Amino acid sequence: MPKSGTTTTTSPAALIDERIASFDDWRGPMLARLRAVITAANAGIVEEWKWNVPVWSCHGIICTGEVYKSVVKLTFAHGAALGDPAGLFNSSLDGKTRRAIDIREGDPIDTKALTALVRAALARNRAHQPSRSQTPDENRKGSDPGSGPQA
């Protein structure tokens, strides 16, 4: 059961810490373990707080961490586009975009496979990131009014 309390901090890491601490059963420690695996997968992964849940991002959302009565769920934003050779995805399998992993009390965590999945999601995000090599003005030809023919 969640412990009662109020949120007084605003940093995403602190909000995630509070969420983990709010559970006095197996779900808090499980979310903490999953968080550790996700953040260890790459130094560029950033913790965010959106939709009242933890979000891990790097060049876009990698996954969210939701806590329900009987499961801790990791939802991968673009999971349908990822290979899953270890078969971790066990929820939201019919969707065209997302895939999820439902972890129940006592389920083992395959940290090697989860790390590989997080890294695959990060690679997918990088590959689909818009080019930022030029500003919008640089992308338009003749944007400088003084660059045209001189009369």
N, C-alpha and C. Protein backbone atom coordinates (compact mmCIF):
# COMPACT_ATOMS: atom_id res chain seq x y z
N MET A 1 0.84 -1.18 0.00
CA MET A 1 0.00 0.00 0.00
C MET A 1 0.88 1.24 0.00
N PRO A 2 0.48 2.27 -0.73
CA PRO A 2 1.24 3.50 -0.70
C PRO A 2 1.19 4.14 0.68
N LYS A 3 2.31 4.69 1.11
CA LYS A 3 2.34 5.46 2.35
C LYS A 3 1.82 6.85 2.04
N SER A 4 1.17 7.46 3.00
CA SER A 4 0.65 8.80 2.74
C SER A 4 1.77 9.81 2.90
N GLY A 5 1.60 10.94 2.22
CA GLY A 5 2.59 12.01 2.30
C GLY A 5 2.35 13.01 1.19
N THR A 6 3.03 14.10 1.27
CA THR A 6 2.88 15.12 0.25
C THR A 6 4.20 15.30 -0.48
N THR A 7 4.10 15.68 -1.72
CA THR A 7 5.28 15.94 -2.53
C THR A 7 5.69 17.38 -2.33
N THR A 8 6.93 17.59 -1.87
CA THR A 8 7.40 18.94 -1.62
C THR A 8 8.58 19.30 -2.51
N THR A 9 9.07 18.37 -3.29
CA THR A 9 10.20 18.64 -4.16
C THR A 9 9.75 18.63 -5.60
N THR A 10 10.57 19.20 -6.47
CA THR A 10 10.15 19.28 -7.85
C THR A 10 11.11 18.60 -8.82
N SER A 11 12.31 18.22 -8.41
CA SER A 11 13.20 17.59 -9.37
C SER A 11 12.67 16.19 -9.71
N PRO A 12 12.83 15.79 -10.97
CA PRO A 12 12.35 14.46 -11.35
C PRO A 12 12.95 13.33 -10.51
N ALA A 13 14.25 13.40 -10.24
CA ALA A 13 14.89 12.34 -9.44
C ALA A 13 14.27 12.27 -8.05
N ALA A 14 13.99 13.42 -7.45
CA ALA A 14 13.39 13.43 -6.12
C ALA A 14 11.96 12.89 -6.17
N LEU A 15 11.21 13.23 -7.21
CA LEU A 15 9.85 12.70 -7.35
C LEU A 15 9.87 11.19 -7.53
N ILE A 16 10.83 10.68 -8.27
CA ILE A 16 10.95 9.23 -8.44
C ILE A 16 11.33 8.58 -7.11
N ASP A 17 12.26 9.21 -6.38
CA ASP A 17 12.62 8.70 -5.05
C ASP A 17 11.39 8.62 -4.16
N GLU A 18 10.56 9.68 -4.20
CA GLU A 18 9.34 9.70 -3.38
C GLU A 18 8.38 8.61 -3.81
N ARG A 19 8.23 8.40 -5.12
CA ARG A 19 7.34 7.35 -5.60
C ARG A 19 7.81 5.99 -5.09
N ILE A 20 9.11 5.72 -5.20
CA ILE A 20 9.66 4.45 -4.72
C ILE A 20 9.39 4.28 -3.23
N ALA A 21 9.65 5.33 -2.46
CA ALA A 21 9.47 5.27 -1.01
C ALA A 21 8.00 5.18 -0.59
N SER A 22 7.09 5.53 -1.49
CA SER A 22 5.67 5.55 -1.12
C SER A 22 5.05 4.16 -1.02
N PHE A 23 5.78 3.14 -1.44
CA PHE A 23 5.26 1.77 -1.38
C PHE A 23 5.95 1.00 -0.27
N ASP A 24 5.16 0.38 0.58
CA ASP A 24 5.72 -0.39 1.69
C ASP A 24 5.69 -1.89 1.42
N ASP A 25 5.58 -2.25 0.13
CA ASP A 25 5.60 -3.66 -0.25
C ASP A 25 6.69 -3.86 -1.31
N TRP A 26 6.60 -4.90 -2.10
CA TRP A 26 7.61 -5.27 -3.08
C TRP A 26 7.75 -4.29 -4.24
N ARG A 27 6.71 -3.48 -4.50
CA ARG A 27 6.70 -2.64 -5.69
C ARG A 27 7.73 -1.51 -5.65
N GLY A 28 7.96 -0.90 -4.51
CA GLY A 28 8.96 0.15 -4.39
C GLY A 28 10.37 -0.36 -4.71
N PRO A 29 10.81 -1.43 -4.03
CA PRO A 29 12.13 -1.97 -4.34
C PRO A 29 12.25 -2.45 -5.79
N MET A 30 11.17 -2.97 -6.36
CA MET A 30 11.23 -3.41 -7.76
C MET A 30 11.42 -2.22 -8.69
N LEU A 31 10.67 -1.14 -8.47
CA LEU A 31 10.84 0.05 -9.29
C LEU A 31 12.26 0.59 -9.15
N ALA A 32 12.81 0.54 -7.95
CA ALA A 32 14.18 1.00 -7.72
C ALA A 32 15.18 0.15 -8.50
N ARG A 33 14.98 -1.16 -8.51
CA ARG A 33 15.87 -2.06 -9.27
C ARG A 33 15.80 -1.77 -10.76
N LEU A 34 14.59 -1.59 -11.28
CA LEU A 34 14.42 -1.31 -12.70
C LEU A 34 15.05 0.04 -13.06
N ARG A 35 14.86 1.01 -12.20
CA ARG A 35 15.46 2.33 -12.40
C ARG A 35 16.98 2.21 -12.50
N ALA A 36 17.58 1.43 -11.61
CA ALA A 36 19.03 1.27 -11.60
C ALA A 36 19.53 0.63 -12.90
N VAL A 37 18.82 -0.37 -13.39
CA VAL A 37 19.21 -1.03 -14.64
C VAL A 37 19.08 -0.04 -15.81
N ILE A 38 17.99 0.68 -15.85
CA ILE A 38 17.75 1.62 -16.96
C ILE A 38 18.81 2.72 -16.98
N THR A 39 19.06 3.35 -15.84
CA THR A 39 20.00 4.46 -15.81
C THR A 39 21.45 4.01 -16.00
N ALA A 40 21.76 2.76 -15.68
CA ALA A 40 23.11 2.24 -15.88
C ALA A 40 23.37 1.87 -17.34
N ALA A 41 22.32 1.76 -18.14
CA ALA A 41 22.48 1.33 -19.53
C ALA A 41 23.23 2.34 -20.39
N ASN A 42 23.14 3.63 -20.02
CA ASN A 42 23.82 4.68 -20.79
C ASN A 42 23.88 5.94 -19.94
N ALA A 43 25.04 6.59 -19.93
CA ALA A 43 25.22 7.79 -19.11
C ALA A 43 24.36 8.95 -19.57
N GLY A 44 23.86 8.92 -20.80
CA GLY A 44 23.06 10.01 -21.32
C GLY A 44 21.58 9.93 -20.96
N ILE A 45 21.17 8.87 -20.30
CA ILE A 45 19.75 8.72 -19.95
C ILE A 45 19.38 9.72 -18.86
N VAL A 46 18.28 10.42 -19.11
CA VAL A 46 17.79 11.46 -18.22
C VAL A 46 16.49 10.99 -17.57
N GLU A 47 16.36 11.28 -16.29
CA GLU A 47 15.11 10.98 -15.60
C GLU A 47 14.19 12.19 -15.69
N GLU A 48 12.94 11.92 -16.02
CA GLU A 48 11.93 12.97 -16.11
C GLU A 48 10.71 12.53 -15.32
N TRP A 49 9.79 13.45 -15.11
CA TRP A 49 8.53 13.16 -14.44
C TRP A 49 7.41 13.72 -15.31
N LYS A 50 6.68 12.83 -15.97
CA LYS A 50 5.58 13.23 -16.84
C LYS A 50 4.39 12.31 -16.56
N TRP A 51 3.20 12.85 -16.72
CA TRP A 51 1.99 12.05 -16.55
C TRP A 51 1.93 11.40 -15.17
N ASN A 52 2.59 12.02 -14.20
CA ASN A 52 2.64 11.53 -12.82
C ASN A 52 3.33 10.17 -12.69
N VAL A 53 4.28 9.89 -13.60
CA VAL A 53 5.07 8.66 -13.54
C VAL A 53 6.52 8.96 -13.93
N PRO A 54 7.46 8.11 -13.50
CA PRO A 54 8.84 8.26 -13.94
C PRO A 54 8.96 8.00 -15.44
N VAL A 55 9.80 8.80 -16.10
CA VAL A 55 10.06 8.65 -17.52
C VAL A 55 11.57 8.70 -17.71
N TRP A 56 12.10 7.77 -18.49
CA TRP A 56 13.53 7.76 -18.80
C TRP A 56 13.69 8.07 -20.28
N SER A 57 14.54 9.06 -20.56
CA SER A 57 14.68 9.56 -21.93
C SER A 57 16.14 9.73 -22.32
N CYS A 58 16.36 9.65 -23.61
CA CYS A 58 17.63 10.01 -24.23
C CYS A 58 17.33 10.14 -25.72
N HIS A 59 17.37 11.35 -26.25
CA HIS A 59 16.99 11.62 -27.64
C HIS A 59 15.53 11.25 -27.88
N GLY A 60 14.72 11.31 -26.85
CA GLY A 60 13.32 10.93 -26.90
C GLY A 60 13.02 9.97 -25.75
N ILE A 61 11.77 9.66 -25.57
CA ILE A 61 11.36 8.78 -24.47
C ILE A 61 11.82 7.35 -24.75
N ILE A 62 12.44 6.75 -23.75
CA ILE A 62 12.80 5.34 -23.81
C ILE A 62 11.64 4.53 -23.23
N CYS A 63 11.33 4.81 -21.95
CA CYS A 63 10.23 4.08 -21.31
C CYS A 63 9.72 4.84 -20.11
N THR A 64 8.56 4.41 -19.64
CA THR A 64 7.96 4.93 -18.42
C THR A 64 7.90 3.80 -17.40
N GLY A 65 7.81 4.17 -16.14
CA GLY A 65 7.70 3.18 -15.06
C GLY A 65 6.43 3.42 -14.28
N GLU A 66 5.46 2.55 -14.45
CA GLU A 66 4.17 2.71 -13.79
C GLU A 66 4.01 1.63 -12.72
N VAL A 67 3.34 1.98 -11.65
CA VAL A 67 3.12 1.03 -10.56
C VAL A 67 1.62 0.83 -10.40
N TYR A 68 1.21 -0.43 -10.48
CA TYR A 68 -0.18 -0.81 -10.31
C TYR A 68 -0.30 -1.75 -9.11
N LYS A 69 -1.50 -2.17 -8.81
CA LYS A 69 -1.73 -3.01 -7.64
C LYS A 69 -0.95 -4.32 -7.70
N SER A 70 -0.91 -4.96 -8.87
CA SER A 70 -0.27 -6.27 -8.94
C SER A 70 0.96 -6.32 -9.86
N VAL A 71 1.30 -5.20 -10.52
CA VAL A 71 2.46 -5.20 -11.40
C VAL A 71 3.20 -3.86 -11.33
N VAL A 72 4.48 -3.94 -11.65
CA VAL A 72 5.26 -2.75 -11.99
C VAL A 72 5.47 -2.87 -13.49
N LYS A 73 5.10 -1.84 -14.22
CA LYS A 73 5.07 -1.90 -15.67
C LYS A 73 6.09 -0.94 -16.26
N LEU A 74 6.91 -1.44 -17.18
CA LEU A 74 7.76 -0.59 -18.01
C LEU A 74 7.14 -0.54 -19.38
N THR A 75 6.76 0.66 -19.82
CA THR A 75 6.18 0.84 -21.14
C THR A 75 7.19 1.53 -22.03
N PHE A 76 7.59 0.85 -23.09
CA PHE A 76 8.56 1.39 -24.05
C PHE A 76 7.80 2.12 -25.14
N ALA A 77 8.12 3.41 -25.29
CA ALA A 77 7.38 4.29 -26.19
C ALA A 77 7.33 3.77 -27.62
N HIS A 78 8.41 3.21 -28.10
CA HIS A 78 8.48 2.69 -29.47
C HIS A 78 8.85 1.21 -29.45
N GLY A 79 8.33 0.50 -28.48
CA GLY A 79 8.67 -0.91 -28.29
C GLY A 79 8.35 -1.80 -29.47
N ALA A 80 7.30 -1.46 -30.23
CA ALA A 80 6.92 -2.30 -31.38
C ALA A 80 8.00 -2.28 -32.46
N ALA A 81 8.85 -1.26 -32.44
CA ALA A 81 9.92 -1.15 -33.44
C ALA A 81 11.21 -1.82 -32.99
N LEU A 82 11.22 -2.38 -31.79
CA LEU A 82 12.43 -2.97 -31.23
C LEU A 82 12.41 -4.48 -31.33
N GLY A 83 13.57 -5.05 -31.54
CA GLY A 83 13.70 -6.50 -31.42
C GLY A 83 13.66 -6.87 -29.95
N ASP A 84 13.14 -8.02 -29.64
CA ASP A 84 13.05 -8.48 -28.26
C ASP A 84 13.44 -9.96 -28.20
N PRO A 85 14.72 -10.25 -28.48
CA PRO A 85 15.13 -11.66 -28.55
C PRO A 85 14.95 -12.43 -27.25
N ALA A 86 14.98 -11.74 -26.11
CA ALA A 86 14.81 -12.42 -24.83
C ALA A 86 13.34 -12.59 -24.45
N GLY A 87 12.42 -11.98 -25.22
CA GLY A 87 11.00 -12.11 -24.94
C GLY A 87 10.55 -11.40 -23.68
N LEU A 88 11.12 -10.24 -23.41
CA LEU A 88 10.74 -9.49 -22.21
C LEU A 88 9.35 -8.88 -22.33
N PHE A 89 8.98 -8.41 -23.53
CA PHE A 89 7.67 -7.79 -23.69
C PHE A 89 6.58 -8.84 -23.47
N ASN A 90 5.67 -8.52 -22.54
CA ASN A 90 4.59 -9.45 -22.23
C ASN A 90 3.24 -8.74 -22.07
N SER A 91 3.20 -7.46 -22.50
CA SER A 91 1.98 -6.67 -22.36
C SER A 91 1.92 -5.65 -23.49
N SER A 92 0.72 -5.23 -23.83
CA SER A 92 0.51 -4.26 -24.92
C SER A 92 1.10 -4.78 -26.23
N LEU A 93 0.95 -6.06 -26.48
CA LEU A 93 1.58 -6.69 -27.64
C LEU A 93 0.84 -6.43 -28.94
N ASP A 94 -0.40 -5.97 -28.87
CA ASP A 94 -1.18 -5.74 -30.09
C ASP A 94 -1.07 -4.31 -30.63
N GLY A 95 -0.44 -3.43 -29.87
CA GLY A 95 -0.34 -2.04 -30.30
C GLY A 95 0.65 -1.87 -31.44
N LYS A 96 0.48 -0.78 -32.19
CA LYS A 96 1.35 -0.52 -33.33
C LYS A 96 2.62 0.23 -32.92
N THR A 97 2.65 0.78 -31.72
CA THR A 97 3.80 1.58 -31.31
C THR A 97 4.42 1.09 -30.01
N ARG A 98 3.66 1.05 -28.94
CA ARG A 98 4.21 0.72 -27.62
C ARG A 98 4.25 -0.78 -27.37
N ARG A 99 5.14 -1.15 -26.46
CA ARG A 99 5.19 -2.49 -25.89
C ARG A 99 5.51 -2.31 -24.41
N ALA A 100 5.10 -3.26 -23.59
CA ALA A 100 5.32 -3.14 -22.16
C ALA A 100 5.80 -4.45 -21.56
N ILE A 101 6.41 -4.31 -20.39
CA ILE A 101 6.84 -5.44 -19.58
C ILE A 101 6.12 -5.32 -18.25
N ASP A 102 5.30 -6.29 -17.92
CA ASP A 102 4.64 -6.34 -16.62
C ASP A 102 5.46 -7.23 -15.71
N ILE A 103 5.91 -6.69 -14.58
CA ILE A 103 6.69 -7.46 -13.61
C ILE A 103 5.81 -7.67 -12.39
N ARG A 104 5.64 -8.92 -12.03
CA ARG A 104 4.83 -9.28 -10.87
C ARG A 104 5.74 -9.62 -9.70
N GLU A 105 5.17 -9.62 -8.53
CA GLU A 105 5.94 -9.94 -7.32
C GLU A 105 6.64 -11.29 -7.50
N GLY A 106 7.93 -11.30 -7.24
CA GLY A 106 8.72 -12.52 -7.33
C GLY A 106 9.31 -12.79 -8.71
N ASP A 107 8.90 -12.04 -9.73
CA ASP A 107 9.47 -12.24 -11.07
C ASP A 107 10.95 -11.88 -11.06
N PRO A 108 11.77 -12.71 -11.69
CA PRO A 108 13.19 -12.35 -11.82
C PRO A 108 13.36 -11.26 -12.87
N ILE A 109 14.43 -10.48 -12.74
CA ILE A 109 14.75 -9.44 -13.72
C ILE A 109 15.98 -9.90 -14.48
N ASP A 110 15.84 -10.04 -15.79
CA ASP A 110 16.98 -10.37 -16.65
C ASP A 110 17.67 -9.05 -16.97
N THR A 111 18.63 -8.66 -16.12
CA THR A 111 19.26 -7.34 -16.27
C THR A 111 20.02 -7.21 -17.58
N LYS A 112 20.61 -8.27 -18.05
CA LYS A 112 21.34 -8.21 -19.32
C LYS A 112 20.38 -7.94 -20.48
N ALA A 113 19.27 -8.64 -20.51
CA ALA A 113 18.28 -8.45 -21.58
C ALA A 113 17.60 -7.10 -21.47
N LEU A 114 17.30 -6.64 -20.25
CA LEU A 114 16.68 -5.34 -20.08
C LEU A 114 17.64 -4.23 -20.50
N THR A 115 18.90 -4.37 -20.15
CA THR A 115 19.90 -3.38 -20.58
C THR A 115 19.97 -3.33 -22.10
N ALA A 116 19.97 -4.48 -22.75
CA ALA A 116 20.02 -4.52 -24.21
C ALA A 116 18.78 -3.86 -24.82
N LEU A 117 17.62 -4.07 -24.21
CA LEU A 117 16.39 -3.47 -24.71
C LEU A 117 16.41 -1.94 -24.55
N VAL A 118 16.90 -1.46 -23.42
CA VAL A 118 17.02 -0.01 -23.20
C VAL A 118 17.98 0.59 -24.22
N ARG A 119 19.09 -0.08 -24.45
CA ARG A 119 20.06 0.42 -25.43
C ARG A 119 19.49 0.39 -26.85
N ALA A 120 18.69 -0.60 -27.16
CA ALA A 120 18.05 -0.66 -28.48
C ALA A 120 17.06 0.49 -28.63
N ALA A 121 16.33 0.80 -27.57
CA ALA A 121 15.38 1.92 -27.61
C ALA A 121 16.12 3.24 -27.80
N LEU A 122 17.24 3.39 -27.13
CA LEU A 122 18.04 4.60 -27.26
C LEU A 122 18.58 4.71 -28.69
N ALA A 123 19.08 3.62 -29.25
CA ALA A 123 19.58 3.63 -30.63
C ALA A 123 18.47 3.98 -31.61
N ARG A 124 17.27 3.47 -31.38
CA ARG A 124 16.12 3.80 -32.22
C ARG A 124 15.81 5.29 -32.13
N ASN A 125 15.85 5.84 -30.92
CA ASN A 125 15.60 7.27 -30.74
C ASN A 125 16.63 8.10 -31.50
N ARG A 126 17.89 7.74 -31.39
CA ARG A 126 18.95 8.47 -32.09
C ARG A 126 18.74 8.42 -33.60
N ALA A 127 18.40 7.25 -34.10
CA ALA A 127 18.24 7.07 -35.55
C ALA A 127 17.05 7.86 -36.10
N HIS A 128 16.07 8.14 -35.26
CA HIS A 128 14.87 8.85 -35.72
C HIS A 128 14.82 10.29 -35.25
N GLN A 129 15.95 10.79 -34.77
CA GLN A 129 16.02 12.18 -34.31
C GLN A 129 16.22 13.10 -35.51
N PRO A 130 15.47 14.20 -35.58
CA PRO A 130 15.64 15.12 -36.70
C PRO A 130 17.04 15.73 -36.68
N SER A 131 17.55 16.01 -37.85
CA SER A 131 18.87 16.63 -37.97
C SER A 131 18.83 18.03 -37.38
N ARG A 132 19.80 18.34 -36.57
CA ARG A 132 19.89 19.66 -35.97
C ARG A 132 21.16 20.38 -36.45
N SER A 133 21.68 19.94 -37.58
CA SER A 133 22.93 20.52 -38.07
C SER A 133 22.74 21.92 -38.63
N GLN A 134 21.52 22.25 -39.02
CA GLN A 134 21.25 23.58 -39.55
C GLN A 134 20.03 24.17 -38.86
N THR A 135 20.04 25.47 -38.76
CA THR A 135 18.87 26.15 -38.22
C THR A 135 17.80 26.20 -39.31
N PRO A 136 16.55 26.45 -38.98
CA PRO A 136 15.51 26.53 -40.02
C PRO A 136 15.85 27.58 -41.08
N ASP A 137 16.43 28.72 -40.69
CA ASP A 137 16.78 29.75 -41.67
C ASP A 137 17.86 29.25 -42.63
N GLU A 138 18.79 28.45 -42.11
CA GLU A 138 19.87 27.93 -42.97
C GLU A 138 19.35 26.90 -43.96
N ASN A 139 18.23 26.28 -43.62
CA ASN A 139 17.64 25.29 -44.51
C ASN A 139 16.91 25.93 -45.69
N ARG A 140 16.53 27.21 -45.55
CA ARG A 140 15.82 27.90 -46.62
C ARG A 140 16.83 28.59 -47.53
N LYS A 141 16.74 28.32 -48.83
CA LYS A 141 17.64 28.96 -49.78
C LYS A 141 17.22 30.41 -49.96
N GLY A 142 18.22 31.27 -50.05
CA GLY A 142 17.95 32.68 -50.29
C GLY A 142 17.24 33.37 -49.15
N SER A 143 17.47 32.92 -47.92
CA SER A 143 16.77 33.53 -46.81
C SER A 143 17.34 34.90 -46.47
N ASP A 144 18.55 35.16 -46.90
CA ASP A 144 19.16 36.46 -46.63
C ASP A 144 18.79 37.41 -47.76
N PRO A 145 18.03 38.47 -47.47
CA PRO A 145 17.59 39.36 -48.54
C PRO A 145 18.76 40.02 -49.26
N GLY A 146 19.90 40.14 -48.64
CA GLY A 146 21.03 40.75 -49.29
C GLY A 146 21.88 39.78 -50.10
N SER A 147 21.47 38.52 -50.19
CA SER A 147 22.30 37.54 -50.87
C SER A 147 21.93 37.37 -52.34
N GLY A 148 20.88 38.02 -52.79
CA GLY A 148 20.42 37.88 -54.17
C GLY A 148 21.29 38.73 -55.12
N PRO A 149 20.95 38.70 -56.38
CA PRO A 149 21.70 39.49 -57.38
C PRO A 149 21.64 40.97 -57.06
N GLN A 150 22.71 41.64 -57.30
CA GLN A 150 22.79 43.07 -57.04
C GLN A 150 22.41 43.83 -58.31
N ALA A 151 21.64 44.90 -58.18
CA ALA A 151 21.23 45.68 -59.36
C ALA A 151 22.19 46.83 -59.60
